[in-house]
PDB file of N, CA and C in Angstrom:
ATOM      1  N   MET A   1      11.652  -9.745  15.781  1.00  0.00           N
ATOM      2  CA  MET A   1      10.324  -9.973  15.235  1.00  0.00           C
ATOM      3  C   MET A   1       9.554 -10.845  16.225  1.00  0.00           C
ATOM      4  N   SER A   2       8.345 -10.445  16.541  1.00  0.00           N
ATOM      5  CA  SER A   2       7.548 -11.210  17.492  1.00  0.00           C
ATOM      6  C   SER A   2       6.927 -12.426  16.812  1.00  0.00           C
ATOM      7  N   ASP A   3       6.582 -13.403  17.633  1.00  0.00           N
ATOM      8  CA  ASP A   3       5.924 -14.606  17.122  1.00  0.00           C
ATOM      9  C   ASP A   3       4.629 -14.273  16.398  1.00  0.00           C
ATOM     10  N   THR A   4       3.850 -13.370  16.991  1.00  0.00           N
ATOM     11  CA  THR A   4       2.567 -13.000  16.401  1.00  0.00           C
ATOM     12  C   THR A   4       2.759 -12.380  15.026  1.00  0.00           C
ATOM     13  N   THR A   5       3.717 -11.495  14.909  1.00  0.00           N
ATOM     14  CA  THR A   5       3.947 -10.813  13.638  1.00  0.00           C
ATOM     15  C   THR A   5       4.395 -11.792  12.571  1.00  0.00           C
ATOM     16  N   SER A   6       5.337 -12.658  12.896  1.00  0.00           N
ATOM     17  CA  SER A   6       5.804 -13.604  11.892  1.00  0.00           C
ATOM     18  C   SER A   6       4.699 -14.597  11.521  1.00  0.00           C
ATOM     19  N   LYS A   7       3.831 -14.921  12.459  1.00  0.00           N
ATOM     20  CA  LYS A   7       2.703 -15.807  12.163  1.00  0.00           C
ATOM     21  C   LYS A   7       1.715 -15.132  11.224  1.00  0.00           C
ATOM     22  N   ARG A   8       1.479 -13.835  11.429  1.00  0.00           N
ATOM     23  CA  ARG A   8       0.567 -13.109  10.536  1.00  0.00           C
ATOM     24  C   ARG A   8       1.113 -13.085   9.121  1.00  0.00           C
ATOM     25  N   LEU A   9       2.391 -12.780   8.974  1.00  0.00           N
ATOM     26  CA  LEU A   9       2.986 -12.736   7.643  1.00  0.00           C
ATOM     27  C   LEU A   9       2.904 -14.113   6.988  1.00  0.00           C
ATOM     28  N   ALA A  10       3.196 -15.150   7.751  1.00  0.00           N
ATOM     29  CA  ALA A  10       3.111 -16.512   7.216  1.00  0.00           C
ATOM     30  C   ALA A  10       1.680 -16.846   6.795  1.00  0.00           C
ATOM     31  N   LEU A  11       0.710 -16.393   7.570  1.00  0.00           N
ATOM     32  CA  LEU A  11      -0.693 -16.643   7.231  1.00  0.00           C
ATOM     33  C   LEU A  11      -1.063 -15.953   5.918  1.00  0.00           C
ATOM     34  N   PHE A  12      -0.661 -14.687   5.765  1.00  0.00           N
ATOM     35  CA  PHE A  12      -0.953 -13.973   4.511  1.00  0.00           C
ATOM     36  C   PHE A  12      -0.263 -14.653   3.331  1.00  0.00           C
ATOM     37  N   ASP A  13       0.991 -15.044   3.532  1.00  0.00           N
ATOM     38  CA  ASP A  13       1.719 -15.738   2.459  1.00  0.00           C
ATOM     39  C   ASP A  13       1.013 -17.030   2.065  1.00  0.00           C
ATOM     40  N   GLN A  14       0.524 -17.752   3.064  1.00  0.00           N
ATOM     41  CA  GLN A  14      -0.186 -19.009   2.802  1.00  0.00           C
ATOM     42  C   GLN A  14      -1.482 -18.755   2.029  1.00  0.00           C
ATOM     43  N   MET A  15      -2.219 -17.737   2.417  1.00  0.00           N
ATOM     44  CA  MET A  15      -3.480 -17.418   1.741  1.00  0.00           C
ATOM     45  C   MET A  15      -3.226 -17.023   0.285  1.00  0.00           C
ATOM     46  N   ILE A  16      -2.172 -16.260   0.063  1.00  0.00           N
ATOM     47  CA  ILE A  16      -1.831 -15.840  -1.298  1.00  0.00           C
ATOM     48  C   ILE A  16      -1.371 -17.040  -2.119  1.00  0.00           C
ATOM     49  N   ALA A  17      -0.583 -17.916  -1.502  1.00  0.00           N
ATOM     50  CA  ALA A  17      -0.111 -19.114  -2.209  1.00  0.00           C
ATOM     51  C   ALA A  17      -1.276 -20.015  -2.618  1.00  0.00           C
ATOM     52  N   LYS A  18      -2.352 -19.979  -1.827  1.00  0.00           N
ATOM     53  CA  LYS A  18      -3.536 -20.783  -2.153  1.00  0.00           C
ATOM     54  C   LYS A  18      -4.422 -20.102  -3.195  1.00  0.00           C
ATOM     55  N   GLY A  19      -3.986 -18.938  -3.673  1.00  0.00           N
ATOM     56  CA  GLY A  19      -4.705 -18.280  -4.758  1.00  0.00           C
ATOM     57  C   GLY A  19      -5.720 -17.232  -4.345  1.00  0.00           C
ATOM     58  N   SER A  20      -5.569 -16.655  -3.164  1.00  0.00           N
ATOM     59  CA  SER A  20      -6.522 -15.637  -2.722  1.00  0.00           C
ATOM     60  C   SER A  20      -6.621 -14.499  -3.733  1.00  0.00           C
ATOM     61  N   GLU A  21      -7.854 -14.179  -4.094  1.00  0.00           N
ATOM     62  CA  GLU A  21      -8.130 -13.054  -4.994  1.00  0.00           C
ATOM     63  C   GLU A  21      -8.691 -11.864  -4.218  1.00  0.00           C
ATOM     64  N   ASP A  22      -8.606 -11.915  -2.910  1.00  0.00           N
ATOM     65  CA  ASP A  22      -9.084 -10.826  -2.065  1.00  0.00           C
ATOM     66  C   ASP A  22      -7.994  -9.764  -1.983  1.00  0.00           C
ATOM     67  N   PRO A  23      -8.243  -8.564  -2.512  1.00  0.00           N
ATOM     68  CA  PRO A  23      -7.196  -7.543  -2.484  1.00  0.00           C
ATOM     69  C   PRO A  23      -6.752  -7.202  -1.067  1.00  0.00           C
ATOM     70  N   PHE A  24      -7.667  -7.332  -0.083  1.00  0.00           N
ATOM     71  CA  PHE A  24      -7.278  -7.006   1.282  1.00  0.00           C
ATOM     72  C   PHE A  24      -6.172  -7.923   1.787  1.00  0.00           C
ATOM     73  N   VAL A  25      -6.197  -9.183   1.418  1.00  0.00           N
ATOM     74  CA  VAL A  25      -5.162 -10.122   1.867  1.00  0.00           C
ATOM     75  C   VAL A  25      -3.797  -9.660   1.360  1.00  0.00           C
ATOM     76  N   HIS A  26      -3.724  -9.275   0.116  1.00  0.00           N
ATOM     77  CA  HIS A  26      -2.467  -8.814  -0.480  1.00  0.00           C
ATOM     78  C   HIS A  26      -2.025  -7.492   0.163  1.00  0.00           C
ATOM     79  N   TYR A  27      -2.988  -6.605   0.378  1.00  0.00           N
ATOM     80  CA  TYR A  27      -2.730  -5.312   1.020  1.00  0.00           C
ATOM     81  C   TYR A  27      -2.249  -5.519   2.463  1.00  0.00           C
ATOM     82  N   ALA A  28      -2.924  -6.407   3.191  1.00  0.00           N
ATOM     83  CA  ALA A  28      -2.559  -6.668   4.585  1.00  0.00           C
ATOM     84  C   ALA A  28      -1.153  -7.243   4.683  1.00  0.00           C
ATOM     85  N   ARG A  29      -0.763  -8.054   3.714  1.00  0.00           N
ATOM     86  CA  ARG A  29       0.607  -8.575   3.686  1.00  0.00           C
ATOM     87  C   ARG A  29       1.603  -7.431   3.542  1.00  0.00           C
ATOM     88  N   ALA A  30       1.312  -6.492   2.650  1.00  0.00           N
ATOM     89  CA  ALA A  30       2.193  -5.335   2.474  1.00  0.00           C
ATOM     90  C   ALA A  30       2.268  -4.512   3.763  1.00  0.00           C
ATOM     91  N   MET A  31       1.134  -4.339   4.417  1.00  0.00           N
ATOM     92  CA  MET A  31       1.111  -3.593   5.677  1.00  0.00           C
ATOM     93  C   MET A  31       1.912  -4.312   6.758  1.00  0.00           C
ATOM     94  N   GLU A  32       1.835  -5.622   6.771  1.00  0.00           N
ATOM     95  CA  GLU A  32       2.595  -6.399   7.752  1.00  0.00           C
ATOM     96  C   GLU A  32       4.095  -6.235   7.513  1.00  0.00           C
ATOM     97  N   LEU A  33       4.503  -6.280   6.261  1.00  0.00           N
ATOM     98  CA  LEU A  33       5.917  -6.052   5.942  1.00  0.00           C
ATOM     99  C   LEU A  33       6.353  -4.670   6.418  1.00  0.00           C
ATOM    100  N   ARG A  34       5.499  -3.690   6.206  1.00  0.00           N
ATOM    101  CA  ARG A  34       5.809  -2.329   6.662  1.00  0.00           C
ATOM    102  C   ARG A  34       5.974  -2.306   8.176  1.00  0.00           C
ATOM    103  N   SER A  35       5.067  -2.967   8.890  1.00  0.00           N
ATOM    104  CA  SER A  35       5.138  -2.957  10.356  1.00  0.00           C
ATOM    105  C   SER A  35       6.383  -3.672  10.872  1.00  0.00           C
ATOM    106  N   LEU A  36       6.928  -4.574  10.066  1.00  0.00           N
ATOM    107  CA  LEU A  36       8.166  -5.266  10.428  1.00  0.00           C
ATOM    108  C   LEU A  36       9.404  -4.425  10.106  1.00  0.00           C
ATOM    109  N   GLY A  37       9.194  -3.264   9.503  1.00  0.00           N
ATOM    110  CA  GLY A  37      10.316  -2.414   9.128  1.00  0.00           C
ATOM    111  C   GLY A  37      10.946  -2.801   7.807  1.00  0.00           C
ATOM    112  N   ARG A  38      10.310  -3.702   7.097  1.00  0.00           N
ATOM    113  CA  ARG A  38      10.822  -4.160   5.795  1.00  0.00           C
ATOM    114  C   ARG A  38      10.205  -3.287   4.700  1.00  0.00           C
ATOM    115  N   LYS A  39      10.631  -2.032   4.688  1.00  0.00           N
ATOM    116  CA  LYS A  39       9.976  -1.027   3.852  1.00  0.00           C
ATOM    117  C   LYS A  39      10.134  -1.282   2.363  1.00  0.00           C
ATOM    118  N   GLU A  40      11.306  -1.695   1.928  1.00  0.00           N
ATOM    119  CA  GLU A  40      11.489  -1.984   0.494  1.00  0.00           C
ATOM    120  C   GLU A  40      10.606  -3.157   0.074  1.00  0.00           C
ATOM    121  N   ASP A  41      10.547  -4.183   0.923  1.00  0.00           N
ATOM    122  CA  ASP A  41       9.676  -5.325   0.633  1.00  0.00           C
ATOM    123  C   ASP A  41       8.210  -4.895   0.633  1.00  0.00           C
ATOM    124  N   ALA A  42       7.859  -4.022   1.570  1.00  0.00           N
ATOM    125  CA  ALA A  42       6.483  -3.528   1.628  1.00  0.00           C
ATOM    126  C   ALA A  42       6.138  -2.760   0.362  1.00  0.00           C
ATOM    127  N   LEU A  43       7.061  -1.926  -0.084  1.00  0.00           N
ATOM    128  CA  LEU A  43       6.813  -1.141  -1.293  1.00  0.00           C
ATOM    129  C   LEU A  43       6.642  -2.049  -2.505  1.00  0.00           C
ATOM    130  N   GLU A  44       7.451  -3.082  -2.581  1.00  0.00           N
ATOM    131  CA  GLU A  44       7.312  -4.060  -3.667  1.00  0.00           C
ATOM    132  C   GLU A  44       5.948  -4.754  -3.589  1.00  0.00           C
ATOM    133  N   ALA A  45       5.520  -5.066  -2.369  1.00  0.00           N
ATOM    134  CA  ALA A  45       4.217  -5.714  -2.186  1.00  0.00           C
ATOM    135  C   ALA A  45       3.076  -4.760  -2.551  1.00  0.00           C
ATOM    136  N   PHE A  46       3.186  -3.489  -2.157  1.00  0.00           N
ATOM    137  CA  PHE A  46       2.163  -2.511  -2.549  1.00  0.00           C
ATOM    138  C   PHE A  46       2.107  -2.370  -4.064  1.00  0.00           C
ATOM    139  N   ASP A  47       3.261  -2.405  -4.705  1.00  0.00           N
ATOM    140  CA  ASP A  47       3.286  -2.333  -6.165  1.00  0.00           C
ATOM    141  C   ASP A  47       2.541  -3.523  -6.765  1.00  0.00           C
ATOM    142  N   GLY A  48       2.732  -4.683  -6.172  1.00  0.00           N
ATOM    143  CA  GLY A  48       2.010  -5.867  -6.633  1.00  0.00           C
ATOM    144  C   GLY A  48       0.506  -5.730  -6.462  1.00  0.00           C
ATOM    145  N   VAL A  49       0.089  -5.150  -5.339  1.00  0.00           N
ATOM    146  CA  VAL A  49      -1.346  -4.936  -5.109  1.00  0.00           C
ATOM    147  C   VAL A  49      -1.899  -3.972  -6.154  1.00  0.00           C
ATOM    148  N   ALA A  50      -1.182  -2.875  -6.395  1.00  0.00           N
ATOM    149  CA  ALA A  50      -1.653  -1.869  -7.356  1.00  0.00           C
ATOM    150  C   ALA A  50      -1.706  -2.430  -8.771  1.00  0.00           C
ATOM    151  N   THR A  51      -0.788  -3.317  -9.092  1.00  0.00           N
ATOM    152  CA  THR A  51      -0.779  -3.932 -10.419  1.00  0.00           C
ATOM    153  C   THR A  51      -1.940  -4.909 -10.567  1.00  0.00           C
ATOM    154  N   ARG A  52      -2.136  -5.723  -9.544  1.00  0.00           N
ATOM    155  CA  ARG A  52      -3.152  -6.774  -9.613  1.00  0.00           C
ATOM    156  C   ARG A  52      -4.565  -6.261  -9.328  1.00  0.00           C
ATOM    157  N   PHE A  53      -4.656  -5.290  -8.426  1.00  0.00           N
ATOM    158  CA  PHE A  53      -5.957  -4.753  -7.997  1.00  0.00           C
ATOM    159  C   PHE A  53      -5.904  -3.224  -8.052  1.00  0.00           C
ATOM    160  N   PRO A  54      -5.825  -2.645  -9.239  1.00  0.00           N
ATOM    161  CA  PRO A  54      -5.597  -1.195  -9.347  1.00  0.00           C
ATOM    162  C   PRO A  54      -6.691  -0.330  -8.737  1.00  0.00           C
ATOM    163  N   THR A  55      -7.874  -0.873  -8.543  1.00  0.00           N
ATOM    164  CA  THR A  55      -8.955  -0.074  -7.965  1.00  0.00           C
ATOM    165  C   THR A  55      -9.001  -0.155  -6.436  1.00  0.00           C
ATOM    166  N   TYR A  56      -8.059  -0.866  -5.824  1.00  0.00           N
ATOM    167  CA  TYR A  56      -8.018  -0.955  -4.361  1.00  0.00           C
ATOM    168  C   TYR A  56      -7.308   0.293  -3.834  1.00  0.00           C
ATOM    169  N   VAL A  57      -8.092   1.324  -3.594  1.00  0.00           N
ATOM    170  CA  VAL A  57      -7.595   2.677  -3.334  1.00  0.00           C
ATOM    171  C   VAL A  57      -6.672   2.800  -2.113  1.00  0.00           C
ATOM    172  N   PRO A  58      -6.897   2.097  -0.991  1.00  0.00           N
ATOM    173  CA  PRO A  58      -6.020   2.298   0.171  1.00  0.00           C
ATOM    174  C   PRO A  58      -4.534   2.044  -0.112  1.00  0.00           C
ATOM    175  N   THR A  59      -4.258   1.241  -1.103  1.00  0.00           N
ATOM    176  CA  THR A  59      -2.879   0.893  -1.451  1.00  0.00           C
ATOM    177  C   THR A  59      -2.028   2.125  -1.721  1.00  0.00           C
ATOM    178  N   TYR A  60      -2.596   3.091  -2.404  1.00  0.00           N
ATOM    179  CA  TYR A  60      -1.811   4.212  -2.911  1.00  0.00           C
ATOM    180  C   TYR A  60      -1.281   5.115  -1.806  1.00  0.00           C
ATOM    181  N   LEU A  61      -2.099   5.433  -0.821  1.00  0.00           N
ATOM    182  CA  LEU A  61      -1.632   6.279   0.273  1.00  0.00           C
ATOM    183  C   LEU A  61      -0.572   5.557   1.094  1.00  0.00           C
ATOM    184  N   MET A  62      -0.800   4.278   1.369  1.00  0.00           N
ATOM    185  CA  MET A  62       0.176   3.537   2.165  1.00  0.00           C
ATOM    186  C   MET A  62       1.516   3.438   1.433  1.00  0.00           C
ATOM    187  N   ALA A  63       1.475   3.176   0.139  1.00  0.00           N
ATOM    188  CA  ALA A  63       2.717   3.119  -0.641  1.00  0.00           C
ATOM    189  C   ALA A  63       3.395   4.479  -0.657  1.00  0.00           C
ATOM    190  N   ALA A  64       2.615   5.539  -0.798  1.00  0.00           N
ATOM    191  CA  ALA A  64       3.184   6.891  -0.785  1.00  0.00           C
ATOM    192  C   ALA A  64       3.841   7.183   0.559  1.00  0.00           C
ATOM    193  N   GLN A  65       3.212   6.760   1.646  1.00  0.00           N
ATOM    194  CA  GLN A  65       3.793   6.979   2.970  1.00  0.00           C
ATOM    195  C   GLN A  65       5.109   6.229   3.134  1.00  0.00           C
ATOM    196  N   VAL A  66       5.167   5.000   2.630  1.00  0.00           N
ATOM    197  CA  VAL A  66       6.416   4.240   2.702  1.00  0.00           C
ATOM    198  C   VAL A  66       7.500   4.956   1.900  1.00  0.00           C
ATOM    199  N   CYS A  67       7.152   5.447   0.725  1.00  0.00           N
ATOM    200  CA  CYS A  67       8.126   6.211  -0.070  1.00  0.00           C
ATOM    201  C   CYS A  67       8.613   7.425   0.712  1.00  0.00           C
ATOM    202  N   GLY A  68       7.695   8.103   1.393  1.00  0.00           N
ATOM    203  CA  GLY A  68       8.080   9.243   2.220  1.00  0.00           C
ATOM    204  C   GLY A  68       9.036   8.838   3.328  1.00  0.00           C
ATOM    205  N   GLU A  69       8.770   7.697   3.966  1.00  0.00           N
ATOM    206  CA  GLU A  69       9.656   7.194   5.020  1.00  0.00           C
ATOM    207  C   GLU A  69      11.040   6.870   4.472  1.00  0.00           C
ATOM    208  N   LEU A  70      11.089   6.460   3.215  1.00  0.00           N
ATOM    209  CA  LEU A  70      12.367   6.143   2.561  1.00  0.00           C
ATOM    210  C   LEU A  70      13.000   7.386   1.922  1.00  0.00           C
ATOM    211  N   GLN A  71      12.367   8.533   2.130  1.00  0.00           N
ATOM    212  CA  GLN A  71      12.819   9.818   1.593  1.00  0.00           C
ATOM    213  C   GLN A  71      12.880   9.808   0.069  1.00  0.00           C
ATOM    214  N   ARG A  72      11.907   9.149  -0.508  1.00  0.00           N
ATOM    215  CA  ARG A  72      11.752   9.106  -1.965  1.00  0.00           C
ATOM    216  C   ARG A  72      10.506   9.916  -2.317  1.00  0.00           C
ATOM    217  N   ASP A  73      10.625  11.221  -2.115  1.00  0.00           N
ATOM    218  CA  ASP A  73       9.475  12.112  -2.248  1.00  0.00           C
ATOM    219  C   ASP A  73       8.873  12.097  -3.649  1.00  0.00           C
ATOM    220  N   GLY A  74       9.697  12.029  -4.674  1.00  0.00           N
ATOM    221  CA  GLY A  74       9.177  11.976  -6.042  1.00  0.00           C
ATOM    222  C   GLY A  74       8.317  10.748  -6.271  1.00  0.00           C
ATOM    223  N   ASP A  75       8.762   9.614  -5.733  1.00  0.00           N
ATOM    224  CA  ASP A  75       7.965   8.389  -5.840  1.00  0.00           C
ATOM    225  C   ASP A  75       6.671   8.514  -5.038  1.00  0.00           C
ATOM    226  N   ALA A  76       6.753   9.169  -3.881  1.00  0.00           N
ATOM    227  CA  ALA A  76       5.553   9.369  -3.063  1.00  0.00           C
ATOM    228  C   ALA A  76       4.520  10.182  -3.830  1.00  0.00           C
ATOM    229  N   VAL A  77       4.969  11.238  -4.496  1.00  0.00           N
ATOM    230  CA  VAL A  77       4.055  12.070  -5.288  1.00  0.00           C
ATOM    231  C   VAL A  77       3.438  11.244  -6.417  1.00  0.00           C
ATOM    232  N   ALA A  78       4.250  10.412  -7.064  1.00  0.00           N
ATOM    233  CA  ALA A  78       3.736   9.573  -8.158  1.00  0.00           C
ATOM    234  C   ALA A  78       2.671   8.607  -7.642  1.00  0.00           C
ATOM    235  N   TRP A  79       2.896   8.004  -6.483  1.00  0.00           N
ATOM    236  CA  TRP A  79       1.894   7.118  -5.891  1.00  0.00           C
ATOM    237  C   TRP A  79       0.622   7.895  -5.574  1.00  0.00           C
ATOM    238  N   CYS A  80       0.783   9.102  -5.039  1.00  0.00           N
ATOM    239  CA  CYS A  80      -0.395   9.934  -4.747  1.00  0.00           C
ATOM    240  C   CYS A  80      -1.171  10.244  -6.018  1.00  0.00           C
ATOM    241  N   ASP A  81      -0.463  10.595  -7.076  1.00  0.00           N
ATOM    242  CA  ASP A  81      -1.140  10.921  -8.335  1.00  0.00           C
ATOM    243  C   ASP A  81      -1.949   9.735  -8.851  1.00  0.00           C
ATOM    244  N   ARG A  82      -1.354   8.547  -8.784  1.00  0.00           N
ATOM    245  CA  ARG A  82      -2.085   7.348  -9.209  1.00  0.00           C
ATOM    246  C   ARG A  82      -3.301   7.116  -8.321  1.00  0.00           C
ATOM    247  N   GLY A  83      -3.122   7.288  -7.025  1.00  0.00           N
ATOM    248  CA  GLY A  83      -4.215   7.086  -6.085  1.00  0.00           C
ATOM    249  C   GLY A  83      -5.317   8.115  -6.226  1.00  0.00           C
ATOM    250  N   ILE A  84      -4.930   9.358  -6.489  1.00  0.00           N
ATOM    251  CA  ILE A  84      -5.921  10.414  -6.687  1.00  0.00           C
ATOM    252  C   ILE A  84      -6.813  10.066  -7.874  1.00  0.00           C
ATOM    253  N   ALA A  85      -6.206   9.601  -8.945  1.00  0.00           N
ATOM    254  CA  ALA A  85      -6.992   9.208 -10.125  1.00  0.00           C
ATOM    255  C   ALA A  85      -7.950   8.067  -9.786  1.00  0.00           C
ATOM    256  N   GLN A  86      -7.476   7.070  -9.054  1.00  0.00           N
ATOM    257  CA  GLN A  86      -8.333   5.934  -8.684  1.00  0.00           C
ATOM    258  C   GLN A  86      -9.431   6.362  -7.718  1.00  0.00           C
ATOM    259  N   ALA A  87      -9.095   7.221  -6.752  1.00  0.00           N
ATOM    260  CA  ALA A  87     -10.091   7.677  -5.780  1.00  0.00           C
ATOM    261  C   ALA A  87     -11.184   8.485  -6.471  1.00  0.00           C
ATOM    262  N   ARG A  88     -10.787   9.322  -7.416  1.00  0.00           N
ATOM    263  CA  ARG A  88     -11.792  10.092  -8.166  1.00  0.00           C
ATOM    264  C   ARG A  88     -12.715   9.150  -8.930  1.00  0.00           C
ATOM    265  N   GLU A  89     -12.112   8.181  -9.601  1.00  0.00           N
ATOM    266  CA  GLU A  89     -12.900   7.226 -10.394  1.00  0.00           C
ATOM    267  C   GLU A  89     -13.866   6.438  -9.514  1.00  0.00           C
ATOM    268  N   ALA A  90     -13.410   6.103  -8.304  1.00  0.00           N
ATOM    269  CA  ALA A  90     -14.237   5.324  -7.378  1.00  0.00           C
ATOM    270  C   ALA A  90     -15.237   6.194  -6.617  1.00  0.00           C
ATOM    271  N   GLY A  91     -15.087   7.513  -6.698  1.00  0.00           N
ATOM    272  CA  GLY A  91     -15.955   8.400  -5.933  1.00  0.00           C
ATOM    273  C   GLY A  91     -15.665   8.358  -4.443  1.00  0.00           C
ATOM    274  N   ASP A  92     -14.418   8.070  -4.089  1.00  0.00           N
ATOM    275  CA  ASP A  92     -14.005   7.950  -2.690  1.00  0.00           C
ATOM    276  C   ASP A  92     -13.415   9.285  -2.225  1.00  0.00           C
ATOM    277  N   GLY A  93     -14.299  10.159  -1.759  1.00  0.00           N
ATOM    278  CA  GLY A  93     -13.885  11.494  -1.349  1.00  0.00           C
ATOM    279  C   GLY A  93     -12.935  11.507  -0.169  1.00  0.00           C
ATOM    280  N   HIS A  94     -13.128  10.580   0.766  1.00  0.00           N
ATOM    281  CA  HIS A  94     -12.250  10.525   1.937  1.00  0.00           C
ATOM    282  C   HIS A  94     -10.814  10.205   1.520  1.00  0.00           C
ATOM    283  N   ALA A  95     -10.649   9.157   0.734  1.00  0.00           N
ATOM    284  CA  ALA A  95      -9.307   8.785   0.267  1.00  0.00           C
ATOM    285  C   ALA A  95      -8.718   9.888  -0.600  1.00  0.00           C
ATOM    286  N   LEU A  96      -9.539  10.496  -1.418  1.00  0.00           N
ATOM    287  CA  LEU A  96      -9.079  11.585  -2.276  1.00  0.00           C
ATOM    288  C   LEU A  96      -8.483  12.709  -1.436  1.00  0.00           C
ATOM    289  N   GLY A  97      -9.181  13.102  -0.385  1.00  0.00           N
ATOM    290  CA  GLY A  97      -8.681  14.161   0.490  1.00  0.00           C
ATOM    291  C   GLY A  97      -7.375  13.791   1.164  1.00  0.00           C
ATOM    292  N   GLU A  98      -7.282  12.557   1.642  1.00  0.00           N
ATOM    293  CA  GLU A  98      -6.043  12.108   2.293  1.00  0.00           C
ATOM    294  C   GLU A  98      -4.878  12.095   1.312  1.00  0.00           C
ATOM    295  N   LEU A  99      -5.119  11.602   0.123  1.00  0.00           N
ATOM    296  CA  LEU A  99      -4.062  11.548  -0.892  1.00  0.00           C
ATOM    297  C   LEU A  99      -3.617  12.947  -1.303  1.00  0.00           C
ATOM    298  N   GLN A 100      -4.564  13.850  -1.477  1.00  0.00           N
ATOM    299  CA  GLN A 100      -4.215  15.218  -1.856  1.00  0.00           C
ATOM    300  C   GLN A 100      -3.421  15.907  -0.751  1.00  0.00           C
ATOM    301  N   ALA A 101      -3.812  15.694   0.500  1.00  0.00           N
ATOM    302  CA  ALA A 101      -3.102  16.298   1.626  1.00  0.00           C
ATOM    303  C   ALA A 101      -1.681  15.754   1.733  1.00  0.00           C
ATOM    304  N   PHE A 102      -1.530  14.444   1.589  1.00  0.00           N
ATOM    305  CA  PHE A 102      -0.190  13.858   1.683  1.00  0.00           C
ATOM    306  C   PHE A 102       0.675  14.328   0.518  1.00  0.00           C
ATOM    307  N   ARG A 103       0.084  14.420  -0.659  1.00  0.00           N
ATOM    308  CA  ARG A 103       0.828  14.898  -1.829  1.00  0.00           C
ATOM    309  C   ARG A 103       1.349  16.307  -1.579  1.00  0.00           C
ATOM    310  N   ALA A 104       0.524  17.161  -0.992  1.00  0.00           N
ATOM    311  CA  ALA A 104       0.937  18.537  -0.696  1.00  0.00           C
ATOM    312  C   ALA A 104       2.119  18.563   0.276  1.00  0.00           C
ATOM    313  N   GLU A 105       2.135  17.635   1.234  1.00  0.00           N
ATOM    314  CA  GLU A 105       3.260  17.542   2.178  1.00  0.00           C
ATOM    315  C   GLU A 105       4.558  17.155   1.474  1.00  0.00           C
ATOM    316  N   MET A 106       4.453  16.373   0.422  1.00  0.00           N
ATOM    317  CA  MET A 106       5.635  15.852  -0.270  1.00  0.00           C
ATOM    318  C   MET A 106       6.239  16.850  -1.261  1.00  0.00           C
ATOM    319  N   GLU A 107       5.491  17.874  -1.613  1.00  0.00           N
ATOM    320  CA  GLU A 107       5.993  18.834  -2.606  1.00  0.00           C
ATOM    321  C   GLU A 107       6.930  19.840  -1.986  1.00  0.00           C
TER     322      GLU A 107
END
């Protein structure tokens, strides 16, 4: 693990410990865990983001991709389905298309 990477994770952890309500901070922490190869931890963090900030649409595709990397295709499809519903509700056509395409790959 590089110094920069561990510093980023520590920074996100510190911001969250101080009570950050910014969904991006929580999402970025999950992405950092993923980049460190800590996929199970990343998936747990994405689950936390989706629970706390269910309308933060980018979470769903990233979580689905991690599930795909872990060869948990059924879970990936479930994440896509949740994300598709949120993207439709938000009117986010770009995310909707990405989620639908990834879901098709997982079937």
